[in-house]
Protein backbone atom coordinates (compact mmCIF):
# COMPACT_ATOMS: atom_id res chain seq x y z
CA MET A 1 0.04 -0.13 -0.14
CA VAL A 2 0.92 3.61 -0.68
CA PHE A 3 0.49 7.18 0.78
CA VAL A 4 0.66 9.77 -0.85
CA GLY A 5 -0.49 13.45 0.14
CA PRO A 6 0.74 16.99 1.15
CA PRO A 7 3.10 18.49 3.47
CA GLY A 8 1.49 17.71 7.15
CA ALA A 9 -0.94 14.91 6.09
CA GLY A 10 0.99 12.86 8.07
CA LYS A 11 2.45 10.24 5.26
CA THR A 12 5.58 9.72 6.80
CA THR A 13 4.20 8.93 10.44
CA VAL A 14 1.14 6.85 9.49
CA ALA A 15 3.45 4.96 6.88
CA ASP A 16 5.66 3.75 10.25
CA GLU A 17 2.42 3.18 12.17
CA VAL A 18 0.91 1.24 9.37
CA ALA A 19 3.68 -0.99 9.09
CA ALA A 20 4.39 -1.87 12.83
CA ARG A 21 1.19 -2.57 13.21
CA LEU A 22 0.64 -5.04 10.04
CA GLY A 23 4.39 -6.94 10.21
CA LEU A 24 5.57 -5.34 6.87
CA ALA A 25 8.57 -3.08 6.12
CA VAL A 26 7.94 0.86 5.52
CA ARG A 27 10.34 2.78 3.21
CA ASP A 28 9.53 6.58 1.99
CA THR A 29 10.80 7.84 -1.28
CA ASP A 30 12.72 11.04 0.34
CA GLN A 31 14.26 9.30 2.48
CA ASP A 32 15.69 6.57 -0.36
CA ILE A 33 16.48 10.12 -2.18
CA GLU A 34 18.50 11.06 0.37
CA THR A 35 20.27 7.84 0.93
CA SER A 36 20.76 7.46 -2.58
CA GLN A 37 22.27 11.31 -3.05
CA GLY A 38 23.82 11.42 0.41
CA VAL A 39 22.43 15.12 1.40
CA SER A 40 19.09 16.28 2.33
CA VAL A 41 15.78 16.92 -0.28
CA GLN A 42 16.37 20.55 0.91
CA ASP A 43 19.86 20.35 0.00
CA ILE A 44 19.11 19.10 -3.72
CA PHE A 45 16.51 21.80 -4.40
CA ILE A 46 19.00 24.69 -2.96
CA ASP A 47 21.59 23.07 -5.02
CA GLU A 48 20.34 21.28 -8.26
CA GLY A 49 17.32 22.89 -8.39
CA GLU A 50 13.34 21.36 -8.20
CA ALA A 51 14.05 19.72 -11.71
CA HIS A 52 16.59 17.69 -11.16
CA PHE A 53 15.13 16.76 -7.77
CA ARG A 54 11.72 15.87 -9.67
CA ALA A 55 13.86 13.26 -11.54
CA LEU A 56 15.40 11.50 -8.95
CA GLU A 57 11.90 11.21 -7.34
CA GLU A 58 10.58 9.36 -10.41
CA GLN A 59 13.20 7.46 -10.36
CA ALA A 60 12.95 6.32 -6.43
CA VAL A 61 8.83 6.09 -7.13
CA ALA A 62 9.47 3.60 -9.91
CA ALA A 63 12.11 1.21 -7.70
CA ALA A 64 10.18 1.45 -4.81
CA LEU A 65 7.21 0.20 -6.66
CA ALA A 66 9.22 -2.42 -8.55
CA GLU A 67 11.19 -3.77 -5.05
CA HIS A 68 8.99 -3.14 -2.42
CA ASP A 69 6.34 -5.09 -1.11
CA GLY A 70 5.05 -3.39 2.26
CA VAL A 71 4.04 0.37 3.34
CA LEU A 72 5.19 2.93 0.54
CA SER A 73 4.97 6.86 1.85
CA LEU A 74 5.47 9.15 -1.20
CA GLY A 75 7.17 12.61 -0.80
CA GLY A 76 4.25 15.30 -1.72
CA GLY A 77 4.70 15.56 -4.57
CA ALA A 78 5.43 12.38 -6.82
CA VAL A 79 2.40 12.80 -7.72
CA LEU A 80 3.24 15.69 -10.26
CA SER A 81 4.86 12.94 -12.67
CA PRO A 82 2.59 11.75 -15.28
CA VAL A 83 4.87 8.38 -15.05
CA SER A 84 4.74 7.78 -11.54
CA ARG A 85 0.77 8.45 -11.48
CA ALA A 86 0.63 5.66 -14.14
CA ALA A 87 3.47 4.01 -12.28
CA LEU A 88 0.85 3.89 -8.72
CA GLN A 89 -2.38 2.12 -11.10
CA GLY A 90 -2.84 -1.38 -10.28
CA HIS A 91 -1.23 -0.44 -6.76
CA LEU A 92 -3.52 0.22 -3.58
CA VAL A 93 -2.89 3.88 -2.57
CA ILE A 94 -4.38 5.80 0.08
CA PHE A 95 -4.60 9.98 0.45
CA LEU A 96 -4.07 11.53 3.50
CA ASP A 97 -5.88 14.58 2.92
CA VAL A 98 -5.46 17.32 4.61
CA GLY A 99 -6.62 21.21 5.51
CA LEU A 100 -4.84 24.11 5.36
CA ALA A 101 -4.78 25.01 8.84
CA SER A 102 -4.37 21.69 9.57
CA ALA A 103 -0.93 21.21 7.69
CA VAL A 104 0.54 24.53 8.46
CA ARG A 105 0.27 23.67 12.30
CA ARG A 106 1.54 19.99 11.12
CA VAL A 107 4.71 21.69 8.75
CA GLY A 108 5.51 24.71 11.53
CA MET A 109 5.69 28.43 10.28
CA ASN A 110 9.52 28.16 10.04
CA SER A 111 9.59 24.73 7.33
CA GLY A 112 12.72 23.52 6.19
CA ARG A 113 10.62 22.29 3.08
CA PRO A 114 12.13 23.88 -0.08
CA LEU A 115 8.90 24.64 -1.96
CA LEU A 116 7.37 26.55 1.36
CA LEU A 117 10.35 28.89 1.69
CA GLY A 118 9.02 32.64 2.24
CA ASN A 119 4.76 32.47 3.30
CA VAL A 120 4.61 28.99 4.47
CA ARG A 121 0.67 29.30 4.48
CA THR A 122 0.19 30.35 1.06
CA GLN A 123 3.03 28.09 -0.44
CA LEU A 124 0.95 25.07 0.95
CA LYS A 125 -2.59 26.21 -0.02
CA ASN A 126 -0.47 26.68 -3.29
CA LEU A 127 0.09 23.27 -3.58
CA MET A 128 -2.50 21.84 -2.17
CA ASP A 129 -4.48 23.60 -5.01
CA GLN A 130 -2.47 22.34 -7.73
CA ARG A 131 -1.98 18.64 -6.30
CA ARG A 132 -5.27 17.75 -4.54
CA VAL A 133 -6.79 16.63 -7.72
CA LEU A 134 -3.79 14.69 -8.73
CA TYR A 135 -3.76 12.96 -5.30
CA ARG A 136 -7.90 11.78 -5.80
CA ASP A 137 -6.72 10.38 -9.03
CA VAL A 138 -4.12 7.69 -8.11
CA ALA A 139 -5.90 6.99 -4.83
CA ARG A 140 -8.78 4.46 -4.19
CA HIS A 141 -9.16 5.68 -1.24
CA THR A 142 -9.18 8.91 0.77
CA ILE A 143 -8.53 9.86 4.90
CA ASP A 144 -9.22 13.22 6.12
CA THR A 145 -6.72 13.61 8.69
CA ASP A 146 -7.96 16.64 9.88
CA GLU A 147 -9.60 15.92 13.49
CA LEU A 148 -7.27 12.76 13.88
CA ASP A 149 -3.76 11.63 15.57
CA ALA A 150 -1.82 9.49 13.62
CA ALA A 151 -3.24 6.12 15.66
CA GLN A 152 -6.62 7.48 14.24
CA VAL A 153 -5.39 7.50 10.88
CA ALA A 154 -2.93 4.53 11.02
CA ASP A 155 -6.86 2.67 12.38
CA ARG A 156 -8.66 3.32 9.60
CA ALA A 157 -5.64 2.97 7.19
CA VAL A 158 -6.01 -0.58 8.30
CA GLU A 159 -9.41 -1.05 8.09
CA LEU A 160 -9.42 0.05 4.30
CA ILE A 161 -6.33 -2.01 3.52
CA LYS A 162 -7.99 -5.37 5.41
CA GLU A 163 -11.13 -4.41 3.32
CA SER A 164 -9.45 -4.16 -0.06
CA ALA A 165 -7.39 -7.49 0.41
């Protein structure tokens, strides 16, 4: 199963929790990129630019989908790639949706996320507006995370996974 969603939705946290509950391995494509490149996602954005990062991300998503049979968390922008969206077909994808106020609270106003530099609230709103339709397009299920903590989101995700099996 694959988790997608904007920054602040809790993808990595929920993926970790779901994997632990189901006894599965967990993988995060942002972490894969950082490991393979030896630098942070933020540094890749600053030093190489977004286009370079997106190419690395597309490769990381393809590799993870091909090699990993556990729980997978994708970076928030992974759905921007038509190649990655096509690769997600046939996989159980869960969109962790989050409202703007909750997302801003979760990522913080001094975010180290490269696409949220400047006015975090405005940048996050723009990202969410641009990507929400793409998240919905690739997902079989959506969980609204606004009023839930990570454990509650994981509960719902496990229910959906078992229903889909």
